[in-house]
Amino acid sequence: MRAPAWPRQAVTKIDVAIPFRSAALLGCGVMMGFGCVTSAAKVKAGSSVVVLGCGGVGLSCIQGAVHARAATIIAIDVNPSRLDLATKFGATNIP
């Protein structure tokens, strides 16, 4: 069976010097989190966004919300160090 042909937009050339773990996070978690906010949810300027979990995907959601110019970005996580990162990535509220 042949593998499906991927559209050009779904393929990104990366430098072989980039560690595989970093490249995998960019290719999966970042695209999913950022894309969910900007493409699926279609967050508009002035919106409010709540992000549950501030791991790789959650932090990417926060970046997508910042890019979309959301007014309020609420980050929720049980890990205090992840909440610190969420603030650095652009979260405006930590409950």
PDB file of N, CA and C in Angstrom:
ATOM      1  N   MET A   1       0.841  -1.168   0.000  1.00  0.00           N
ATOM      2  CA  MET A   1       0.000   0.000   0.000  1.00  0.00           C
ATOM      3  C   MET A   1       0.895   1.243   0.000  1.00  0.00           C
ATOM      4  N   ARG A   2       0.525   2.230  -0.800  1.00  0.00           N
ATOM      5  CA  ARG A   2       1.289   3.468  -0.899  1.00  0.00           C
ATOM      6  C   ARG A   2       0.872   4.478   0.164  1.00  0.00           C
ATOM      7  N   ALA A   3       1.830   5.212   0.671  1.00  0.00           N
ATOM      8  CA  ALA A   3       1.528   6.275   1.631  1.00  0.00           C
ATOM      9  C   ALA A   3       0.786   7.400   0.913  1.00  0.00           C
ATOM     10  N   PRO A   4      -0.111   8.097   1.620  1.00  0.00           N
ATOM     11  CA  PRO A   4      -0.844   9.195   0.971  1.00  0.00           C
ATOM     12  C   PRO A   4       0.099  10.345   0.606  1.00  0.00           C
ATOM     13  N   ALA A   5      -0.233  11.035  -0.454  1.00  0.00           N
ATOM     14  CA  ALA A   5       0.537  12.224  -0.840  1.00  0.00           C
ATOM     15  C   ALA A   5       0.097  13.378   0.055  1.00  0.00           C
ATOM     16  N   TRP A   6       1.060  14.050   0.658  1.00  0.00           N
ATOM     17  CA  TRP A   6       0.753  15.154   1.561  1.00  0.00           C
ATOM     18  C   TRP A   6       0.763  16.463   0.791  1.00  0.00           C
ATOM     19  N   PRO A   7      -0.163  17.362   1.105  1.00  0.00           N
ATOM     20  CA  PRO A   7      -0.099  18.682   0.477  1.00  0.00           C
ATOM     21  C   PRO A   7       1.172  19.410   0.906  1.00  0.00           C
ATOM     22  N   ARG A   8       1.680  20.264   0.058  1.00  0.00           N
ATOM     23  CA  ARG A   8       2.924  20.983   0.351  1.00  0.00           C
ATOM     24  C   ARG A   8       2.842  21.769   1.647  1.00  0.00           C
ATOM     25  N   GLN A   9       1.649  22.290   1.997  1.00  0.00           N
ATOM     26  CA  GLN A   9       1.503  23.084   3.218  1.00  0.00           C
ATOM     27  C   GLN A   9       1.721  22.249   4.475  1.00  0.00           C
ATOM     28  N   ALA A  10       1.606  20.935   4.366  1.00  0.00           N
ATOM     29  CA  ALA A  10       1.733  20.068   5.533  1.00  0.00           C
ATOM     30  C   ALA A  10       3.168  19.599   5.758  1.00  0.00           C
ATOM     31  N   VAL A  11       4.092  20.039   4.927  1.00  0.00           N
ATOM     32  CA  VAL A  11       5.473  19.574   5.007  1.00  0.00           C
ATOM     33  C   VAL A  11       6.389  20.765   5.258  1.00  0.00           C
ATOM     34  N   THR A  12       7.300  20.599   6.212  1.00  0.00           N
ATOM     35  CA  THR A  12       8.268  21.646   6.515  1.00  0.00           C
ATOM     36  C   THR A  12       9.656  21.049   6.538  1.00  0.00           C
ATOM     37  N   LYS A  13      10.563  21.670   5.825  1.00  0.00           N
ATOM     38  CA  LYS A  13      11.953  21.230   5.835  1.00  0.00           C
ATOM     39  C   LYS A  13      12.604  21.761   7.102  1.00  0.00           C
ATOM     40  N   ILE A  14      13.322  20.905   7.806  1.00  0.00           N
ATOM     41  CA  ILE A  14      14.020  21.338   9.020  1.00  0.00           C
ATOM     42  C   ILE A  14      15.507  21.030   8.892  1.00  0.00           C
ATOM     43  N   ASP A  15      16.292  21.765   9.618  1.00  0.00           N
ATOM     44  CA  ASP A  15      17.731  21.558   9.656  1.00  0.00           C
ATOM     45  C   ASP A  15      18.021  20.281  10.438  1.00  0.00           C
ATOM     46  N   VAL A  16      18.927  19.464   9.938  1.00  0.00           N
ATOM     47  CA  VAL A  16      19.256  18.211  10.621  1.00  0.00           C
ATOM     48  C   VAL A  16      19.883  18.444  11.991  1.00  0.00           C
ATOM     49  N   ALA A  17      20.352  19.666  12.260  1.00  0.00           N
ATOM     50  CA  ALA A  17      20.950  19.969  13.561  1.00  0.00           C
ATOM     51  C   ALA A  17      19.903  20.138  14.658  1.00  0.00           C
ATOM     52  N   ILE A  18      18.644  20.323  14.278  1.00  0.00           N
ATOM     53  CA  ILE A  18      17.587  20.482  15.283  1.00  0.00           C
ATOM     54  C   ILE A  18      17.323  19.129  15.937  1.00  0.00           C
ATOM     55  N   PRO A  19      17.359  19.053  17.259  1.00  0.00           N
ATOM     56  CA  PRO A  19      17.077  17.778  17.925  1.00  0.00           C
ATOM     57  C   PRO A  19      15.675  17.276  17.558  1.00  0.00           C
ATOM     58  N   PHE A  20      15.551  15.975  17.367  1.00  0.00           N
ATOM     59  CA  PHE A  20      14.276  15.388  16.953  1.00  0.00           C
ATOM     60  C   PHE A  20      13.143  15.752  17.906  1.00  0.00           C
ATOM     61  N   ARG A  21      13.399  15.749  19.215  1.00  0.00           N
ATOM     62  CA  ARG A  21      12.341  16.074  20.190  1.00  0.00           C
ATOM     63  C   ARG A  21      11.810  17.491  19.978  1.00  0.00           C
ATOM     64  N   SER A  22      12.701  18.425  19.686  1.00  0.00           N
ATOM     65  CA  SER A  22      12.274  19.807  19.439  1.00  0.00           C
ATOM     66  C   SER A  22      11.489  19.904  18.139  1.00  0.00           C
ATOM     67  N   ALA A  23      11.965  19.247  17.118  1.00  0.00           N
ATOM     68  CA  ALA A  23      11.280  19.278  15.825  1.00  0.00           C
ATOM     69  C   ALA A  23       9.896  18.641  15.935  1.00  0.00           C
ATOM     70  N   ALA A  24       9.790  17.563  16.688  1.00  0.00           N
ATOM     71  CA  ALA A  24       8.495  16.894  16.853  1.00  0.00           C
ATOM     72  C   ALA A  24       7.508  17.798  17.581  1.00  0.00           C
ATOM     73  N   LEU A  25       7.970  18.524  18.589  1.00  0.00           N
ATOM     74  CA  LEU A  25       7.092  19.440  19.314  1.00  0.00           C
ATOM     75  C   LEU A  25       6.602  20.554  18.394  1.00  0.00           C
ATOM     76  N   LEU A  26       7.500  21.098  17.589  1.00  0.00           N
ATOM     77  CA  LEU A  26       7.101  22.162  16.655  1.00  0.00           C
ATOM     78  C   LEU A  26       6.115  21.648  15.622  1.00  0.00           C
ATOM     79  N   GLY A  27       6.382  20.461  15.100  1.00  0.00           N
ATOM     80  CA  GLY A  27       5.540  19.911  14.040  1.00  0.00           C
ATOM     81  C   GLY A  27       4.193  19.436  14.524  1.00  0.00           C
ATOM     82  N   CYS A  28       4.065  19.134  15.785  1.00  0.00           N
ATOM     83  CA  CYS A  28       2.798  18.599  16.291  1.00  0.00           C
ATOM     84  C   CYS A  28       2.150  19.557  17.293  1.00  0.00           C
ATOM     85  N   GLY A  29       2.754  19.716  18.436  1.00  0.00           N
ATOM     86  CA  GLY A  29       2.142  20.498  19.516  1.00  0.00           C
ATOM     87  C   GLY A  29       1.939  21.963  19.193  1.00  0.00           C
ATOM     88  N   VAL A  30       2.927  22.580  18.592  1.00  0.00           N
ATOM     89  CA  VAL A  30       2.815  24.008  18.282  1.00  0.00           C
ATOM     90  C   VAL A  30       1.753  24.223  17.213  1.00  0.00           C
ATOM     91  N   MET A  31       1.812  23.449  16.165  1.00  0.00           N
ATOM     92  CA  MET A  31       0.841  23.610  15.082  1.00  0.00           C
ATOM     93  C   MET A  31      -0.587  23.315  15.560  1.00  0.00           C
ATOM     94  N   MET A  32      -0.729  22.307  16.414  1.00  0.00           N
ATOM     95  CA  MET A  32      -2.060  21.974  16.920  1.00  0.00           C
ATOM     96  C   MET A  32      -2.600  23.096  17.812  1.00  0.00           C
ATOM     97  N   GLY A  33      -1.817  23.529  18.792  1.00  0.00           N
ATOM     98  CA  GLY A  33      -2.280  24.554  19.725  1.00  0.00           C
ATOM     99  C   GLY A  33      -2.559  25.876  19.040  1.00  0.00           C
ATOM    100  N   PHE A  34      -1.606  26.348  18.262  1.00  0.00           N
ATOM    101  CA  PHE A  34      -1.756  27.612  17.556  1.00  0.00           C
ATOM    102  C   PHE A  34      -2.905  27.519  16.544  1.00  0.00           C
ATOM    103  N   GLY A  35      -2.942  26.416  15.810  1.00  0.00           N
ATOM    104  CA  GLY A  35      -3.983  26.230  14.790  1.00  0.00           C
ATOM    105  C   GLY A  35      -5.382  26.099  15.369  1.00  0.00           C
ATOM    106  N   CYS A  36      -5.509  25.464  16.510  1.00  0.00           N
ATOM    107  CA  CYS A  36      -6.829  25.341  17.146  1.00  0.00           C
ATOM    108  C   CYS A  36      -7.402  26.710  17.491  1.00  0.00           C
ATOM    109  N   VAL A  37      -6.549  27.599  17.945  1.00  0.00           N
ATOM    110  CA  VAL A  37      -7.012  28.936  18.330  1.00  0.00           C
ATOM    111  C   VAL A  37      -7.306  29.785  17.096  1.00  0.00           C
ATOM    112  N   THR A  38      -6.395  29.776  16.130  1.00  0.00           N
ATOM    113  CA  THR A  38      -6.531  30.678  14.991  1.00  0.00           C
ATOM    114  C   THR A  38      -7.424  30.137  13.882  1.00  0.00           C
ATOM    115  N   SER A  39      -7.413  28.826  13.656  1.00  0.00           N
ATOM    116  CA  SER A  39      -8.183  28.256  12.542  1.00  0.00           C
ATOM    117  C   SER A  39      -9.492  27.607  12.974  1.00  0.00           C
ATOM    118  N   ALA A  40      -9.441  26.756  13.995  1.00  0.00           N
ATOM    119  CA  ALA A  40     -10.658  26.051  14.416  1.00  0.00           C
ATOM    120  C   ALA A  40     -11.588  26.956  15.222  1.00  0.00           C
ATOM    121  N   ALA A  41     -11.062  27.586  16.272  1.00  0.00           N
ATOM    122  CA  ALA A  41     -11.897  28.450  17.120  1.00  0.00           C
ATOM    123  C   ALA A  41     -12.092  29.836  16.505  1.00  0.00           C
ATOM    124  N   LYS A  42     -11.186  30.210  15.607  1.00  0.00           N
ATOM    125  CA  LYS A  42     -11.254  31.527  14.955  1.00  0.00           C
ATOM    126  C   LYS A  42     -11.395  32.673  15.971  1.00  0.00           C
ATOM    127  N   VAL A  43     -10.513  32.656  16.961  1.00  0.00           N
ATOM    128  CA  VAL A  43     -10.525  33.683  17.997  1.00  0.00           C
ATOM    129  C   VAL A  43     -10.309  35.049  17.352  1.00  0.00           C
ATOM    130  N   LYS A  44     -11.117  35.993  17.749  1.00  0.00           N
ATOM    131  CA  LYS A  44     -11.060  37.358  17.209  1.00  0.00           C
ATOM    132  C   LYS A  44     -10.438  38.315  18.227  1.00  0.00           C
ATOM    133  N   ALA A  45      -9.986  39.439  17.749  1.00  0.00           N
ATOM    134  CA  ALA A  45      -9.434  40.478  18.629  1.00  0.00           C
ATOM    135  C   ALA A  45     -10.481  40.861  19.669  1.00  0.00           C
ATOM    136  N   GLY A  46     -10.030  40.984  20.919  1.00  0.00           N
ATOM    137  CA  GLY A  46     -10.924  41.360  22.008  1.00  0.00           C
ATOM    138  C   GLY A  46     -11.609  40.192  22.683  1.00  0.00           C
ATOM    139  N   SER A  47     -11.441  38.972  22.172  1.00  0.00           N
ATOM    140  CA  SER A  47     -12.072  37.781  22.749  1.00  0.00           C
ATOM    141  C   SER A  47     -11.430  37.395  24.072  1.00  0.00           C
ATOM    142  N   SER A  48     -12.102  36.490  24.774  1.00  0.00           N
ATOM    143  CA  SER A  48     -11.551  35.867  25.978  1.00  0.00           C
ATOM    144  C   SER A  48     -11.274  34.408  25.668  1.00  0.00           C
ATOM    145  N   VAL A  49     -10.145  33.902  26.151  1.00  0.00           N
ATOM    146  CA  VAL A  49      -9.719  32.527  25.897  1.00  0.00           C
ATOM    147  C   VAL A  49      -9.322  31.900  27.225  1.00  0.00           C
ATOM    148  N   VAL A  50      -9.724  30.646  27.436  1.00  0.00           N
ATOM    149  CA  VAL A  50      -9.283  29.880  28.603  1.00  0.00           C
ATOM    150  C   VAL A  50      -8.475  28.696  28.095  1.00  0.00           C
ATOM    151  N   VAL A  51      -7.276  28.525  28.638  1.00  0.00           N
ATOM    152  CA  VAL A  51      -6.407  27.416  28.251  1.00  0.00           C
ATOM    153  C   VAL A  51      -6.267  26.488  29.453  1.00  0.00           C
ATOM    154  N   LEU A  52      -6.719  25.239  29.306  1.00  0.00           N
ATOM    155  CA  LEU A  52      -6.630  24.241  30.371  1.00  0.00           C
ATOM    156  C   LEU A  52      -5.402  23.376  30.130  1.00  0.00           C
ATOM    157  N   GLY A  53      -4.387  23.576  30.925  1.00  0.00           N
ATOM    158  CA  GLY A  53      -3.141  22.831  30.779  1.00  0.00           C
ATOM    159  C   GLY A  53      -2.133  23.652  30.002  1.00  0.00           C
ATOM    160  N   CYS A  54      -0.973  23.870  30.586  1.00  0.00           N
ATOM    161  CA  CYS A  54       0.020  24.746  29.983  1.00  0.00           C
ATOM    162  C   CYS A  54       1.304  24.001  29.639  1.00  0.00           C
ATOM    163  N   GLY A  55       1.131  22.835  29.029  1.00  0.00           N
ATOM    164  CA  GLY A  55       2.275  22.117  28.461  1.00  0.00           C
ATOM    165  C   GLY A  55       2.558  22.684  27.080  1.00  0.00           C
ATOM    166  N   GLY A  56       3.149  21.890  26.214  1.00  0.00           N
ATOM    167  CA  GLY A  56       3.509  22.356  24.880  1.00  0.00           C
ATOM    168  C   GLY A  56       2.327  22.834  24.061  1.00  0.00           C
ATOM    169  N   VAL A  57       1.248  22.072  24.045  1.00  0.00           N
ATOM    170  CA  VAL A  57       0.068  22.457  23.273  1.00  0.00           C
ATOM    171  C   VAL A  57      -0.604  23.667  23.902  1.00  0.00           C
ATOM    172  N   GLY A  58      -0.757  23.685  25.202  1.00  0.00           N
ATOM    173  CA  GLY A  58      -1.399  24.803  25.889  1.00  0.00           C
ATOM    174  C   GLY A  58      -0.646  26.110  25.703  1.00  0.00           C
ATOM    175  N   LEU A  59       0.681  26.056  25.815  1.00  0.00           N
ATOM    176  CA  LEU A  59       1.478  27.271  25.600  1.00  0.00           C
ATOM    177  C   LEU A  59       1.340  27.756  24.166  1.00  0.00           C
ATOM    178  N   SER A  60       1.196  26.837  23.237  1.00  0.00           N
ATOM    179  CA  SER A  60       0.987  27.208  21.840  1.00  0.00           C
ATOM    180  C   SER A  60      -0.394  27.823  21.640  1.00  0.00           C
ATOM    181  N   CYS A  61      -1.376  27.348  22.394  1.00  0.00           N
ATOM    182  CA  CYS A  61      -2.708  27.987  22.372  1.00  0.00           C
ATOM    183  C   CYS A  61      -2.601  29.427  22.858  1.00  0.00           C
ATOM    184  N   ILE A  62      -1.825  29.636  23.908  1.00  0.00           N
ATOM    185  CA  ILE A  62      -1.637  30.986  24.434  1.00  0.00           C
ATOM    186  C   ILE A  62      -0.994  31.871  23.375  1.00  0.00           C
ATOM    187  N   GLN A  63       0.019  31.363  22.694  1.00  0.00           N
ATOM    188  CA  GLN A  63       0.666  32.137  21.634  1.00  0.00           C
ATOM    189  C   GLN A  63      -0.323  32.454  20.510  1.00  0.00           C
ATOM    190  N   GLY A  64      -1.173  31.489  20.159  1.00  0.00           N
ATOM    191  CA  GLY A  64      -2.183  31.729  19.138  1.00  0.00           C
ATOM    192  C   GLY A  64      -3.160  32.802  19.571  1.00  0.00           C
ATOM    193  N   ALA A  65      -3.540  32.786  20.847  1.00  0.00           N
ATOM    194  CA  ALA A  65      -4.462  33.800  21.374  1.00  0.00           C
ATOM    195  C   ALA A  65      -3.822  35.184  21.376  1.00  0.00           C
ATOM    196  N   VAL A  66      -2.541  35.244  21.701  1.00  0.00           N
ATOM    197  CA  VAL A  66      -1.817  36.518  21.644  1.00  0.00           C
ATOM    198  C   VAL A  66      -1.790  37.016  20.196  1.00  0.00           C
ATOM    199  N   HIS A  67      -1.481  36.117  19.276  1.00  0.00           N
ATOM    200  CA  HIS A  67      -1.434  36.472  17.852  1.00  0.00           C
ATOM    201  C   HIS A  67      -2.794  36.988  17.363  1.00  0.00           C
ATOM    202  N   ALA A  68      -3.868  36.369  17.864  1.00  0.00           N
ATOM    203  CA  ALA A  68      -5.227  36.777  17.474  1.00  0.00           C
ATOM    204  C   ALA A  68      -5.678  38.036  18.213  1.00  0.00           C
ATOM    205  N   ARG A  69      -4.846  38.530  19.118  1.00  0.00           N
ATOM    206  CA  ARG A  69      -5.118  39.733  19.912  1.00  0.00           C
ATOM    207  C   ARG A  69      -6.311  39.557  20.854  1.00  0.00           C
ATOM    208  N   ALA A  70      -6.388  38.379  21.474  1.00  0.00           N
ATOM    209  CA  ALA A  70      -7.417  38.160  22.494  1.00  0.00           C
ATOM    210  C   ALA A  70      -7.161  39.121  23.652  1.00  0.00           C
ATOM    211  N   ALA A  71      -8.223  39.653  24.224  1.00  0.00           N
ATOM    212  CA  ALA A  71      -8.082  40.616  25.323  1.00  0.00           C
ATOM    213  C   ALA A  71      -7.748  39.927  26.638  1.00  0.00           C
ATOM    214  N   THR A  72      -8.370  38.777  26.881  1.00  0.00           N
ATOM    215  CA  THR A  72      -8.170  38.048  28.125  1.00  0.00           C
ATOM    216  C   THR A  72      -7.749  36.622  27.790  1.00  0.00           C
ATOM    217  N   ILE A  73      -6.616  36.201  28.342  1.00  0.00           N
ATOM    218  CA  ILE A  73      -6.124  34.834  28.145  1.00  0.00           C
ATOM    219  C   ILE A  73      -5.897  34.239  29.523  1.00  0.00           C
ATOM    220  N   ILE A  74      -6.789  33.335  29.913  1.00  0.00           N
ATOM    221  CA  ILE A  74      -6.741  32.719  31.242  1.00  0.00           C
ATOM    222  C   ILE A  74      -6.035  31.371  31.129  1.00  0.00           C
ATOM    223  N   ALA A  75      -4.988  31.178  31.902  1.00  0.00           N
ATOM    224  CA  ALA A  75      -4.226  29.930  31.901  1.00  0.00           C
ATOM    225  C   ALA A  75      -4.489  29.164  33.190  1.00  0.00           C
ATOM    226  N   ILE A  76      -4.783  27.870  33.045  1.00  0.00           N
ATOM    227  CA  ILE A  76      -5.063  27.017  34.206  1.00  0.00           C
ATOM    228  C   ILE A  76      -4.166  25.792  34.144  1.00  0.00           C
ATOM    229  N   ASP A  77      -3.456  25.533  35.226  1.00  0.00           N
ATOM    230  CA  ASP A  77      -2.613  24.342  35.331  1.00  0.00           C
ATOM    231  C   ASP A  77      -2.352  24.094  36.814  1.00  0.00           C
ATOM    232  N   VAL A  78      -2.089  22.847  37.176  1.00  0.00           N
ATOM    233  CA  VAL A  78      -1.786  22.516  38.572  1.00  0.00           C
ATOM    234  C   VAL A  78      -0.311  22.721  38.897  1.00  0.00           C
ATOM    235  N   ASN A  79       0.514  22.899  37.875  1.00  0.00           N
ATOM    236  CA  ASN A  79       1.950  23.042  38.056  1.00  0.00           C
ATOM    237  C   ASN A  79       2.328  24.529  38.048  1.00  0.00           C
ATOM    238  N   PRO A  80       2.783  25.074  39.180  1.00  0.00           N
ATOM    239  CA  PRO A  80       3.123  26.499  39.253  1.00  0.00           C
ATOM    240  C   PRO A  80       4.185  26.944  38.243  1.00  0.00           C
ATOM    241  N   SER A  81       5.153  26.089  37.939  1.00  0.00           N
ATOM    242  CA  SER A  81       6.190  26.491  36.984  1.00  0.00           C
ATOM    243  C   SER A  81       5.618  26.641  35.574  1.00  0.00           C
ATOM    244  N   ARG A  82       4.614  25.850  35.247  1.00  0.00           N
ATOM    245  CA  ARG A  82       3.966  26.001  33.940  1.00  0.00           C
ATOM    246  C   ARG A  82       3.150  27.287  33.883  1.00  0.00           C
ATOM    247  N   LEU A  83       2.577  27.679  35.010  1.00  0.00           N
ATOM    248  CA  LEU A  83       1.838  28.938  35.042  1.00  0.00           C
ATOM    249  C   LEU A  83       2.789  30.128  34.874  1.00  0.00           C
ATOM    250  N   ASP A  84       3.995  30.007  35.422  1.00  0.00           N
ATOM    251  CA  ASP A  84       5.005  31.049  35.215  1.00  0.00           C
ATOM    252  C   ASP A  84       5.327  31.173  33.723  1.00  0.00           C
ATOM    253  N   LEU A  85       5.501  30.030  33.072  1.00  0.00           N
ATOM    254  CA  LEU A  85       5.752  30.038  31.623  1.00  0.00           C
ATOM    255  C   LEU A  85       4.568  30.627  30.866  1.00  0.00           C
ATOM    256  N   ALA A  86       3.361  30.266  31.289  1.00  0.00           N
ATOM    257  CA  ALA A  86       2.157  30.767  30.620  1.00  0.00           C
ATOM    258  C   ALA A  86       2.131  32.290  30.632  1.00  0.00           C
ATOM    259  N   THR A  87       2.525  32.884  31.744  1.00  0.00           N
ATOM    260  CA  THR A  87       2.580  34.345  31.849  1.00  0.00           C
ATOM    261  C   THR A  87       3.621  34.905  30.883  1.00  0.00           C
ATOM    262  N   LYS A  88       4.768  34.246  30.794  1.00  0.00           N
ATOM    263  CA  LYS A  88       5.817  34.692  29.870  1.00  0.00           C
ATOM    264  C   LYS A  88       5.365  34.573  28.410  1.00  0.00           C
ATOM    265  N   PHE A  89       4.508  33.593  28.129  1.00  0.00           N
ATOM    266  CA  PHE A  89       4.031  33.385  26.770  1.00  0.00           C
ATOM    267  C   PHE A  89       2.852  34.299  26.424  1.00  0.00           C
ATOM    268  N   GLY A  90       2.298  34.999  27.431  1.00  0.00           N
ATOM    269  CA  GLY A  90       1.266  35.964  27.134  1.00  0.00           C
ATOM    270  C   GLY A  90      -0.053  35.819  27.862  1.00  0.00           C
ATOM    271  N   ALA A  91      -0.157  34.841  28.760  1.00  0.00           N
ATOM    272  CA  ALA A  91      -1.404  34.718  29.544  1.00  0.00           C
ATOM    273  C   ALA A  91      -1.603  35.982  30.369  1.00  0.00           C
ATOM    274  N   THR A  92      -2.832  36.459  30.424  1.00  0.00           N
ATOM    275  CA  THR A  92      -3.125  37.690  31.158  1.00  0.00           C
ATOM    276  C   THR A  92      -3.674  37.432  32.550  1.00  0.00           C
ATOM    277  N   ASN A  93      -4.250  36.236  32.766  1.00  0.00           N
ATOM    278  CA  ASN A  93      -4.842  35.904  34.063  1.00  0.00           C
ATOM    279  C   ASN A  93      -4.466  34.498  34.479  1.00  0.00           C
ATOM    280  N   ILE A  94      -4.104  34.362  35.756  1.00  0.00           N
ATOM    281  CA  ILE A  94      -3.840  33.068  36.377  1.00  0.00           C
ATOM    282  C   ILE A  94      -4.752  32.986  37.587  1.00  0.00           C
ATOM    283  N   PRO A  95      -5.768  32.108  37.565  1.00  0.00           N
ATOM    284  CA  PRO A  95      -6.686  32.056  38.713  1.00  0.00           C
ATOM    285  C   PRO A  95      -6.007  31.565  39.984  1.00  0.00           C
TER     286      PRO A  95
END
